[in-house]
C-alpha atoms as a PDB file:
ATOM      1  CA  MET A   1      34.842 -13.781   3.392  1.00  0.00           C
ATOM      2  CA  THR A   2      32.183 -11.174   3.693  1.00  0.00           C
ATOM      3  CA  THR A   3      30.397 -11.242   7.216  1.00  0.00           C
ATOM      4  CA  CYS A   4      27.174  -9.547   7.294  1.00  0.00           C
ATOM      5  CA  ALA A   5      26.327  -6.170   9.735  1.00  0.00           C
ATOM      6  CA  PRO A   6      23.287  -6.283  11.946  1.00  0.00           C
ATOM      7  CA  LEU A   7      20.482  -3.564  10.497  1.00  0.00           C
ATOM      8  CA  CYS A   8      20.219  -0.100  11.776  1.00  0.00           C
ATOM      9  CA  ALA A   9      16.314  -0.939  12.508  1.00  0.00           C
ATOM     10  CA  PRO A  10      15.284  -4.070  14.042  1.00  0.00           C
ATOM     11  CA  PRO A  11      13.388  -5.958  10.706  1.00  0.00           C
ATOM     12  CA  PRO A  12       9.464  -7.219  11.430  1.00  0.00           C
ATOM     13  CA  VAL A  13       8.618  -9.617  13.331  1.00  0.00           C
ATOM     14  CA  PRO A  14       7.969 -13.346  11.852  1.00  0.00           C
ATOM     15  CA  GLN A  15       4.139 -13.189  12.378  1.00  0.00           C
ATOM     16  CA  ASP A  16       4.177  -9.943  10.208  1.00  0.00           C
ATOM     17  CA  ASN A  17       5.175 -11.968   7.094  1.00  0.00           C
ATOM     18  CA  ASP A  18       1.763 -13.022   5.520  1.00  0.00           C
ATOM     19  CA  ARG A  19       0.400  -9.320   6.386  1.00  0.00           C
ATOM     20  CA  ILE A  20       3.475  -7.607   4.412  1.00  0.00           C
ATOM     21  CA  ALA A  21       2.602  -9.970   1.637  1.00  0.00           C
ATOM     22  CA  GLN A  22      -0.883  -9.635   1.528  1.00  0.00           C
ATOM     23  CA  ILE A  23      -0.528  -5.955   1.553  1.00  0.00           C
ATOM     24  CA  ALA A  24       2.913  -5.823  -0.893  1.00  0.00           C
ATOM     25  CA  LYS A  25       0.138  -8.130  -3.013  1.00  0.00           C
ATOM     26  CA  ALA A  26      -2.757  -5.365  -2.955  1.00  0.00           C
ATOM     27  CA  LEU A  27      -0.185  -2.673  -4.204  1.00  0.00           C
ATOM     28  CA  SER A  28       1.474  -4.788  -6.982  1.00  0.00           C
ATOM     29  CA  HIS A  29      -0.590  -3.673  -9.917  1.00  0.00           C
ATOM     30  CA  PRO A  30      -0.198   0.147 -11.714  1.00  0.00           C
ATOM     31  CA  ALA A  31      -3.650   1.068 -11.068  1.00  0.00           C
ATOM     32  CA  ARG A  32      -4.187   0.664  -7.440  1.00  0.00           C
ATOM     33  CA  VAL A  33      -0.692   2.347  -7.390  1.00  0.00           C
ATOM     34  CA  GLN A  34      -2.481   5.437  -9.212  1.00  0.00           C
ATOM     35  CA  ILE A  35      -5.413   5.138  -6.395  1.00  0.00           C
ATOM     36  CA  ILE A  36      -3.036   5.481  -3.645  1.00  0.00           C
ATOM     37  CA  ARG A  37      -1.667   8.369  -5.229  1.00  0.00           C
ATOM     38  CA  THR A  38      -4.913   9.778  -6.036  1.00  0.00           C
ATOM     39  CA  LEU A  39      -5.684   9.612  -2.288  1.00  0.00           C
ATOM     40  CA  LEU A  40      -2.868  11.237  -1.283  1.00  0.00           C
ATOM     41  CA  ALA A  41      -3.431  14.351  -3.397  1.00  0.00           C
ATOM     42  CA  ARG A  42      -6.709  14.395  -2.173  1.00  0.00           C
ATOM     43  CA  LYS A  43      -6.693  12.520   1.509  1.00  0.00           C
ATOM     44  CA  THR A  44     -10.300  11.231   0.404  1.00  0.00           C
ATOM     45  CA  CYS A  45     -11.927  10.363  -2.772  1.00  0.00           C
ATOM     46  CA  ILE A  46     -15.475   9.967  -4.032  1.00  0.00           C
ATOM     47  CA  GLY A  47     -15.633   6.517  -6.299  1.00  0.00           C
ATOM     48  CA  CYS A  48     -16.192   7.780  -9.077  1.00  0.00           C
ATOM     49  CA  ASP A  49     -13.863  10.627  -8.713  1.00  0.00           C
ATOM     50  CA  ILE A  50     -11.334   7.992  -8.822  1.00  0.00           C
ATOM     51  CA  VAL A  51     -12.701   6.355 -11.707  1.00  0.00           C
ATOM     52  CA  GLU A  52     -12.204   9.605 -13.879  1.00  0.00           C
ATOM     53  CA  GLU A  53      -8.765   9.720 -12.658  1.00  0.00           C
ATOM     54  CA  ILE A  54      -7.542   6.095 -13.323  1.00  0.00           C
ATOM     55  CA  GLY A  55      -8.972   6.206 -16.468  1.00  0.00           C
ATOM     56  CA  LEU A  56     -10.495   2.507 -16.507  1.00  0.00           C
ATOM     57  CA  ALA A  57     -13.889   1.457 -16.638  1.00  0.00           C
ATOM     58  CA  ALA A  58     -16.192   1.749 -13.450  1.00  0.00           C
ATOM     59  CA  SER A  59     -16.334  -2.230 -12.894  1.00  0.00           C
ATOM     60  CA  THR A  60     -12.260  -2.154 -13.063  1.00  0.00           C
ATOM     61  CA  THR A  61     -11.800   0.080 -10.676  1.00  0.00           C
ATOM     62  CA  SER A  62     -14.409  -0.961  -8.180  1.00  0.00           C
ATOM     63  CA  GLU A  63     -12.440  -4.453  -8.717  1.00  0.00           C
ATOM     64  CA  HIS A  64      -8.757  -2.364  -7.857  1.00  0.00           C
ATOM     65  CA  LEU A  65     -10.479  -0.509  -4.476  1.00  0.00           C
ATOM     66  CA  ARG A  66     -12.395  -3.744  -3.438  1.00  0.00           C
ATOM     67  CA  ILE A  67      -8.671  -5.670  -3.513  1.00  0.00           C
ATOM     68  CA  LEU A  68      -7.536  -2.521  -1.689  1.00  0.00           C
ATOM     69  CA  LYS A  69     -10.102  -2.701   0.540  1.00  0.00           C
ATOM     70  CA  ASP A  70     -10.039  -5.931   1.548  1.00  0.00           C
ATOM     71  CA  ALA A  71      -6.108  -5.782   2.251  1.00  0.00           C
ATOM     72  CA  GLY A  72      -7.302  -2.923   4.402  1.00  0.00           C
ATOM     73  CA  VAL A  73      -4.758  -0.174   2.861  1.00  0.00           C
ATOM     74  CA  ILE A  74      -8.147   1.883   2.010  1.00  0.00           C
ATOM     75  CA  THR A  75     -11.614   2.496   3.695  1.00  0.00           C
ATOM     76  CA  GLY A  76     -14.563   3.086   2.528  1.00  0.00           C
ATOM     77  CA  GLU A  77     -17.399   4.954   4.102  1.00  0.00           C
ATOM     78  CA  ILE A  78     -20.635   4.669   2.543  1.00  0.00           C
ATOM     79  CA  ALA A  79     -22.693   8.227   2.129  1.00  0.00           C
ATOM     80  CA  ARG A  80     -25.537   7.105  -0.048  1.00  0.00           C
ATOM     81  CA  PRO A  81     -25.401   7.251  -3.104  1.00  0.00           C
ATOM     82  CA  ARG A  82     -22.064   7.305  -3.137  1.00  0.00           C
ATOM     83  CA  VAL A  83     -18.872   5.553  -1.361  1.00  0.00           C
ATOM     84  CA  CYS A  84     -15.909   8.267  -0.201  1.00  0.00           C
ATOM     85  CA  TYR A  85     -12.542   6.222  -0.262  1.00  0.00           C
ATOM     86  CA  SER A  86      -9.443   7.106   2.339  1.00  0.00           C
ATOM     87  CA  LEU A  87      -5.984   6.078   2.851  1.00  0.00           C
ATOM     88  CA  ASN A  88      -5.705   3.553   6.109  1.00  0.00           C
ATOM     89  CA  PRO A  89      -1.804   4.520   6.308  1.00  0.00           C
ATOM     90  CA  ALA A  90      -1.778   2.778   9.602  1.00  0.00           C
ATOM     91  CA  SER A  91      -2.424  -0.540   8.408  1.00  0.00           C
ATOM     92  CA  VAL A  92       0.688  -0.365   6.057  1.00  0.00           C
ATOM     93  CA  ALA A  93       3.374  -0.167   9.248  1.00  0.00           C
ATOM     94  CA  PRO A  94       4.620  -3.888   8.752  1.00  0.00           C
ATOM     95  CA  LEU A  95       5.017  -3.202   5.466  1.00  0.00           C
ATOM     96  CA  HIS A  96       6.955   0.123   6.352  1.00  0.00           C
ATOM     97  CA  ALA A  97       8.945  -1.064   8.669  1.00  0.00           C
ATOM     98  CA  LEU A  98      10.436  -3.838   6.686  1.00  0.00           C
ATOM     99  CA  LEU A  99      10.917  -1.389   3.677  1.00  0.00           C
ATOM    100  CA  GLN A 100      12.401   1.217   6.048  1.00  0.00           C
ATOM    101  CA  ALA A 101      14.779  -1.773   7.538  1.00  0.00           C
ATOM    102  CA  ILE A 102      16.092  -3.023   4.029  1.00  0.00           C
ATOM    103  CA  ALA A 103      16.377   1.065   3.145  1.00  0.00           C
ATOM    104  CA  GLN A 104      18.707   1.197   5.820  1.00  0.00           C
ATOM    105  CA  ALA A 105      20.794  -1.549   5.924  1.00  0.00           C
ATOM    106  CA  PRO A 106      24.090  -1.131   5.007  1.00  0.00           C
ATOM    107  CA  PHE A 107      25.765  -2.259   1.700  1.00  0.00           C
ATOM    108  CA  PRO A 108      28.445  -3.963   1.272  1.00  0.00           C
ATOM    109  CA  SER A 109      31.186  -2.332  -0.482  1.00  0.00           C
ATOM    110  CA  GLN A 110      31.077  -3.561  -4.388  1.00  0.00           C
ATOM    111  CA  GLU A 111      35.084  -3.215  -4.596  1.00  0.00           C
END
Protein backbone atom coordinates (compact mmCIF):
# COMPACT_ATOMS: atom_id res chain seq x y z
CA MET A 1 0.00 0.00 0.00
CA THR A 2 1.34 3.39 -1.01
CA THR A 3 1.17 6.31 1.40
CA CYS A 4 1.49 9.94 0.49
CA ALA A 5 4.48 11.74 1.91
CA PRO A 6 4.04 15.33 3.08
CA LEU A 7 5.09 18.04 0.66
CA CYS A 8 8.40 19.79 1.25
CA ALA A 9 6.76 23.18 0.88
CA PRO A 10 3.23 23.93 2.02
CA PRO A 11 0.75 24.20 -0.84
CA PRO A 12 -0.91 27.54 -1.54
CA VAL A 13 -3.94 28.38 0.55
CA PRO A 14 -7.31 27.46 -1.00
CA GLN A 15 -8.24 31.14 -1.33
CA ASP A 16 -5.49 31.40 -3.94
CA ASN A 17 -7.15 28.82 -6.22
CA ASP A 18 -9.08 31.41 -8.24
CA ARG A 19 -6.03 33.65 -8.52
CA ILE A 20 -3.82 30.75 -9.63
CA ALA A 21 -6.38 29.75 -12.26
CA GLN A 22 -6.60 33.34 -13.53
CA ILE A 23 -2.82 33.61 -13.89
CA ALA A 24 -2.52 30.19 -15.53
CA LYS A 25 -5.27 31.08 -18.00
CA ALA A 26 -3.51 34.35 -18.85
CA LEU A 27 -0.29 32.42 -19.55
CA SER A 28 -2.01 29.70 -21.56
CA HIS A 29 -1.25 31.02 -25.05
CA PRO A 30 2.15 30.77 -26.79
CA ALA A 31 2.04 34.43 -27.85
CA ARG A 32 1.53 35.51 -24.24
CA VAL A 33 4.41 33.34 -23.11
CA GLN A 34 6.54 35.02 -25.80
CA ILE A 35 5.46 38.44 -24.53
CA ILE A 36 6.60 37.43 -21.03
CA ARG A 37 9.93 36.15 -22.41
CA THR A 38 10.38 39.43 -24.29
CA LEU A 39 9.73 41.46 -21.15
CA LEU A 40 12.09 39.24 -19.16
CA ALA A 41 14.85 39.94 -21.68
CA ARG A 42 14.20 43.68 -21.93
CA LYS A 43 12.76 44.50 -18.45
CA THR A 44 10.42 47.03 -20.07
CA CYS A 45 9.10 47.36 -23.59
CA ILE A 46 7.02 49.72 -25.69
CA GLY A 47 3.93 48.14 -27.22
CA CYS A 48 5.10 48.56 -30.81
CA ASP A 49 8.34 46.71 -29.98
CA ILE A 50 6.30 43.82 -28.64
CA VAL A 51 4.25 43.73 -31.85
CA GLU A 52 7.47 43.44 -33.88
CA GLU A 53 8.90 40.77 -31.56
CA ILE A 54 5.76 38.62 -31.51
CA GLY A 55 5.12 38.92 -35.23
CA LEU A 56 1.33 39.09 -34.95
CA ALA A 57 -1.02 41.86 -36.00
CA ALA A 58 -1.05 44.87 -33.69
CA SER A 59 -4.68 44.24 -32.76
CA THR A 60 -3.97 40.60 -31.87
CA THR A 61 -0.91 41.53 -29.82
CA SER A 62 -2.92 44.25 -28.10
CA GLU A 63 -5.54 41.68 -27.07
CA HIS A 64 -2.84 39.40 -25.63
CA LEU A 65 -1.37 42.35 -23.73
CA ARG A 66 -4.83 43.22 -22.38
CA ILE A 67 -5.34 39.67 -21.08
CA LEU A 68 -1.95 39.68 -19.35
CA LYS A 69 -2.61 43.13 -17.89
CA ASP A 70 -6.12 42.20 -16.68
CA ALA A 71 -4.60 39.20 -14.89
CA GLY A 72 -2.01 41.51 -13.28
CA VAL A 73 0.94 39.66 -14.81
CA ILE A 74 2.13 42.83 -16.55
CA THR A 75 1.62 46.53 -16.07
CA GLY A 76 1.26 49.19 -18.72
CA GLU A 77 2.39 52.73 -18.08
CA ILE A 78 1.12 55.33 -20.50
CA ALA A 79 3.90 57.57 -21.81
CA ARG A 80 2.03 59.39 -24.55
CA PRO A 81 1.79 58.44 -27.32
CA ARG A 82 3.06 55.01 -26.27
CA VAL A 83 2.38 52.42 -23.62
CA CYS A 84 5.42 50.95 -21.89
CA TYR A 85 4.87 47.43 -20.50
CA SER A 86 6.74 45.68 -17.71
CA LEU A 87 6.41 42.54 -15.63
CA ASN A 88 4.65 42.47 -12.28
CA PRO A 89 6.51 39.59 -10.54
CA ALA A 90 4.61 39.86 -7.24
CA SER A 91 1.34 39.09 -9.00
CA VAL A 92 2.39 35.53 -9.85
CA ALA A 93 3.39 34.59 -6.28
CA PRO A 94 0.45 32.19 -5.74
CA LEU A 95 1.21 30.31 -8.98
CA HIS A 96 4.92 30.27 -8.12
CA ALA A 97 4.17 28.76 -4.70
CA LEU A 98 2.01 26.04 -6.25
CA LEU A 99 4.59 25.16 -8.90
CA GLN A 100 7.34 25.14 -6.28
CA ALA A 101 5.29 22.75 -4.12
CA ILE A 102 4.78 20.47 -7.12
CA ALA A 103 8.47 20.60 -8.04
CA GLN A 104 9.50 19.73 -4.49
CA ALA A 105 6.95 16.94 -4.01
CA PRO A 106 8.56 13.55 -3.50
CA PHE A 107 8.05 11.25 -6.45
CA PRO A 108 6.80 7.76 -5.74
CA SER A 109 9.20 4.99 -6.67
CA GLN A 110 8.52 3.51 -10.09
CA GLU A 111 9.36 -0.09 -9.20
